[in-house]
Protein backbone atom coordinates (compact mmCIF):
# COMPACT_ATOMS: atom_id res chain seq x y z
CA UNK A 1 -27.25 -54.19 297.64
CA UNK A 2 -26.89 -57.70 298.86
CA UNK A 3 -28.19 -57.86 302.43
CA UNK A 4 -26.50 -58.91 305.48
CA UNK A 5 -27.33 -62.67 307.32
CA UNK A 6 -25.23 -63.80 310.36
CA UNK A 7 -25.19 -67.36 310.27
CA UNK A 8 -26.11 -68.39 313.73
CA UNK A 9 -25.39 -72.24 313.04
CA UNK A 10 -22.19 -73.98 315.37
CA UNK A 11 -19.66 -75.73 312.84
CA UNK A 12 -20.32 -79.43 312.86
CA UNK A 13 -16.56 -80.70 313.24
CA UNK A 14 -14.73 -82.73 316.08
CA UNK A 15 -14.56 -79.87 317.84
CA UNK A 16 -17.92 -79.19 318.00
CA UNK A 17 -19.24 -78.42 321.91
CA UNK A 18 -20.69 -81.97 323.10
CA UNK A 19 -23.67 -81.92 326.00
CA UNK A 20 -22.98 -84.75 328.29
CA UNK A 21 -23.10 -88.54 327.29
CA UNK A 22 -23.43 -87.29 323.25
CA UNK A 23 -21.74 -87.99 320.44
CA UNK A 24 -19.78 -85.73 317.94
CA UNK A 25 -20.80 -86.09 314.26
CA UNK A 26 -18.52 -88.36 311.95
CA UNK A 27 -18.51 -88.05 308.29
CA UNK A 28 -17.06 -91.31 306.18
CA UNK A 29 -15.92 -91.38 303.34
CA UNK A 30 -17.41 -93.97 301.21
CA UNK A 31 -16.06 -93.36 297.58
CA UNK A 32 -13.61 -91.09 296.34
CA UNK A 33 -12.84 -90.02 293.00
CA UNK A 34 -9.01 -89.72 293.89
CA UNK A 35 -9.44 -93.83 294.07
CA UNK A 36 -10.81 -94.51 291.23
CA UNK A 37 -14.33 -94.23 292.14
CA UNK A 38 -17.21 -93.02 289.77
CA UNK A 39 -18.30 -90.48 292.76
CA UNK A 40 -16.95 -88.82 295.74
CA UNK A 41 -19.64 -89.73 298.24
CA UNK A 42 -19.96 -89.71 302.05
CA UNK A 43 -22.14 -90.93 305.21
CA UNK A 44 -23.02 -88.74 308.14
CA UNK A 45 -23.81 -90.06 311.41
CA UNK A 46 -25.04 -87.86 314.30
CA UNK A 47 -27.67 -87.60 317.25
CA UNK A 48 -30.38 -85.69 316.08
CA UNK A 49 -29.31 -83.23 319.49
CA UNK A 50 -25.73 -82.30 318.50
CA UNK A 51 -24.50 -78.53 317.43
CA UNK A 52 -27.43 -76.14 316.35
CA UNK A 53 -30.96 -77.86 316.34
CA UNK A 54 -34.66 -77.30 317.26
CA UNK A 55 -36.22 -79.38 320.13
CA UNK A 56 -39.93 -80.04 319.68
CA UNK A 57 -41.75 -81.02 323.07
CA UNK A 58 -41.51 -84.55 322.09
CA UNK A 59 -38.20 -84.39 323.34
CA UNK A 60 -39.73 -84.04 326.62
CA UNK A 61 -42.96 -85.46 327.37
CA UNK A 62 -45.04 -87.81 326.02
CA UNK A 63 -47.36 -87.82 323.59
CA UNK A 64 -45.77 -84.43 322.43
CA UNK A 65 -46.05 -82.97 318.91
CA UNK A 66 -42.62 -84.41 316.68
CA UNK A 67 -40.35 -81.57 314.53
CA UNK A 68 -42.54 -82.68 311.84
CA UNK A 69 -46.27 -82.38 313.02
CA UNK A 70 -45.27 -78.13 312.64
CA UNK A 71 -45.75 -76.02 309.43
CA UNK A 72 -42.85 -74.46 307.75
CA UNK A 73 -43.75 -71.20 308.62
CA UNK A 74 -43.74 -72.28 312.36
CA UNK A 75 -39.59 -72.79 311.28
CA UNK A 76 -38.69 -68.66 310.61
CA UNK A 77 -40.38 -65.36 310.27
CA UNK A 78 -39.88 -61.75 312.38
CA UNK A 79 -37.56 -61.85 315.85
CA UNK A 80 -35.35 -60.66 317.92
CA UNK A 81 -31.95 -60.56 319.98
CA UNK A 82 -32.10 -60.19 323.24
CA UNK A 83 -29.38 -59.56 325.41
CA UNK A 84 -29.00 -60.88 329.14
CA UNK A 85 -26.41 -59.16 331.82
CA UNK A 86 -27.21 -61.45 334.35
CA UNK A 87 -24.16 -64.32 334.53
CA UNK A 88 -26.08 -66.88 336.19
CA UNK A 89 -29.79 -66.84 335.28
CA UNK A 90 -32.49 -65.50 333.24
CA UNK A 91 -35.28 -63.37 334.80
CA UNK A 92 -38.37 -62.17 334.33
CA UNK A 93 -37.92 -59.32 335.53
CA UNK A 94 -34.43 -58.29 332.96
CA UNK A 95 -36.51 -60.04 330.22
CA UNK A 96 -39.67 -56.93 330.91
CA UNK A 97 -36.87 -54.35 330.77
CA UNK A 98 -35.90 -55.13 327.43
CA UNK A 99 -39.79 -54.77 325.30
CA UNK A 100 -39.59 -58.43 323.85
CA UNK A 101 -42.27 -57.55 321.16
CA UNK A 102 -44.96 -60.44 320.64
CA UNK A 103 -45.76 -63.44 318.20
CA UNK A 104 -41.71 -63.80 317.64
CA UNK A 105 -39.34 -65.33 317.66
CA UNK A 106 -37.10 -64.81 320.94
CA UNK A 107 -33.57 -65.25 320.65
CA UNK A 108 -31.65 -64.95 324.53
CA UNK A 109 -28.42 -63.59 323.82
CA UNK A 110 -26.12 -64.71 327.26
CA UNK A 111 -23.05 -65.08 328.54
CA UNK A 112 -23.27 -68.91 326.85
CA UNK A 113 -21.90 -67.35 323.67
CA UNK A 114 -18.81 -66.92 325.25
CA UNK A 115 -18.65 -71.03 326.20
CA UNK A 116 -19.30 -72.23 322.00
CA UNK A 117 -16.00 -72.29 321.34
CA UNK A 118 -15.48 -75.10 323.94
CA UNK A 119 -15.70 -78.74 323.62
CA UNK A 120 -16.23 -79.17 326.96
CA UNK A 121 -19.74 -78.34 328.16
CA UNK A 122 -20.28 -76.03 331.29
CA UNK A 123 -22.40 -76.66 333.94
CA UNK A 124 -21.68 -73.36 335.33
CA UNK A 125 -23.76 -72.07 332.30
CA UNK A 126 -26.45 -69.37 332.61
CA UNK A 127 -29.69 -70.87 331.94
CA UNK A 128 -33.70 -69.88 332.69
CA UNK A 129 -35.39 -68.98 335.79
CA UNK A 130 -39.32 -70.51 335.73
CA UNK A 131 -40.60 -66.76 336.33
CA UNK A 132 -38.67 -65.73 332.75
CA UNK A 133 -40.34 -68.86 331.01
CA UNK A 134 -44.01 -68.46 331.93
CA UNK A 135 -43.07 -64.73 330.92
CA UNK A 136 -41.62 -65.58 327.52
CA UNK A 137 -44.58 -68.13 327.03
CA UNK A 138 -47.09 -65.17 328.12
CA UNK A 139 -46.16 -63.13 325.06
CA UNK A 140 -46.79 -66.11 323.02
CA UNK A 141 -43.83 -66.71 320.80
CA UNK A 142 -42.99 -68.14 317.70
CA UNK A 143 -40.02 -70.13 319.43
CA UNK A 144 -37.24 -69.66 321.86
CA UNK A 145 -34.18 -69.58 321.16
CA UNK A 146 -30.80 -70.00 323.46
CA UNK A 147 -27.21 -69.83 323.61
CA UNK A 148 -26.28 -73.38 324.36
CA UNK A 149 -27.46 -76.49 325.06
CA UNK A 150 -30.57 -76.45 328.19
CA UNK A 151 -32.26 -73.81 329.03
CA UNK A 152 -32.52 -75.62 332.74
CA UNK A 153 -29.72 -75.32 334.92
CA UNK A 154 -27.41 -78.69 335.19
CA UNK A 155 -28.53 -79.85 338.82
CA UNK A 156 -32.42 -80.09 336.76
CA UNK A 157 -32.25 -83.15 336.77
CA UNK A 158 -36.29 -83.15 335.66
CA UNK A 159 -35.99 -80.58 333.25
CA UNK A 160 -38.90 -78.35 333.71
CA UNK A 161 -38.51 -75.87 332.31
CA UNK A 162 -37.92 -77.54 329.08
CA UNK A 163 -41.32 -79.67 330.50
CA UNK A 164 -43.23 -76.25 330.40
CA UNK A 165 -42.06 -75.27 327.10
CA UNK A 166 -43.06 -78.44 325.61
CA UNK A 167 -46.30 -78.50 327.18
CA UNK A 168 -47.18 -75.23 325.67
CA UNK A 169 -46.34 -76.13 322.18
CA UNK A 170 -43.09 -74.01 321.51
CA UNK A 171 -40.05 -75.09 319.75
CA UNK A 172 -37.09 -74.41 321.67
CA UNK A 173 -34.12 -73.76 319.54
CA UNK A 174 -31.10 -74.25 321.20
CA UNK A 175 -26.80 -73.59 320.25
CA UNK A 176 -27.49 -70.68 318.26
CA UNK A 177 -23.96 -69.08 317.40
CA UNK A 178 -24.75 -65.21 318.65
CA UNK A 179 -21.58 -64.52 319.48
CA UNK A 180 -21.02 -61.41 316.19
CA UNK A 181 -25.08 -60.56 316.28
CA UNK A 182 -26.27 -57.02 317.61
CA UNK A 183 -29.09 -56.83 319.58
CA UNK A 184 -31.70 -56.06 317.66
CA UNK A 185 -34.52 -56.91 315.03
CA UNK A 186 -34.29 -59.65 312.34
CA UNK A 187 -35.63 -62.60 309.95
CA UNK A 188 -34.77 -65.62 311.84
CA UNK A 189 -34.52 -69.38 309.45
CA UNK A 190 -34.33 -72.19 311.56
CA UNK A 191 -35.32 -75.01 308.90
CA UNK A 192 -34.41 -78.54 310.46
CA UNK A 193 -34.44 -81.79 308.34
CA UNK A 194 -37.63 -82.60 306.89
CA UNK A 195 -37.25 -86.14 309.06
CA UNK A 196 -40.55 -88.13 309.65
CA UNK A 197 -41.91 -88.30 313.96
CA UNK A 198 -38.49 -87.55 315.52
CA UNK A 199 -38.27 -84.82 318.17
CA UNK A 200 -35.49 -83.00 317.33
CA UNK A 201 -33.63 -81.57 314.40
CA UNK A 202 -29.92 -80.20 313.34
CA UNK A 203 -31.00 -76.52 312.03
CA UNK A 204 -29.02 -74.26 309.27
CA UNK A 205 -29.67 -71.19 312.07
CA UNK A 206 -29.51 -67.80 310.29
CA UNK A 207 -30.64 -63.94 311.23
CA UNK A 208 -31.29 -61.48 308.86
CA UNK A 209 -31.77 -58.19 309.63
CA UNK A 210 -34.81 -56.57 309.60
CA UNK A 211 -33.52 -53.54 308.01
CA UNK A 212 -31.61 -55.28 305.50
CA UNK A 213 -33.25 -56.06 301.83
CA UNK A 214 -32.48 -59.11 300.31
């Protein structure tokens, strides 16, 4: 029996949700079999932080780790998808009630998931309270995953939650598409491109229920 695989990666096209100021991914056809060329070839141009991607500490703090400073095993492993019901704020109080296990990738499914199908960034998105970030860090997570571009409030120009995670050397996955993913335990894969000395990378992220066999 084949394993159930949840693809939690946003599709990269002209309609992908964009953070303010970012440019959409562009694919340019370099040559084509239809035009008589020997091969069809294309060129991809996009920022490292568009769509589903992983942020390394160097994105937020000087001297922080880049993606290439982490071993490959940092980008996959046991995970839990946690539901957050509050429409505006992820708090430590709510997270404590979810029984989150230590040493896992913790993926937060919030009301942001309903915003993922819209190209325009919503500044009223759900974000993390400081006590929630501290609680998550206390669980020694393998990473923190979120279903929107920022774990900080749009008004938080100093990005305090991102910087806090960066100082903990935590990888943070953003724009995870958890809309059709049930809550529970999984194996998570969020493999970045093998880029050197870069602070973030697009990923193809997926979840396999822990009860399924490959």
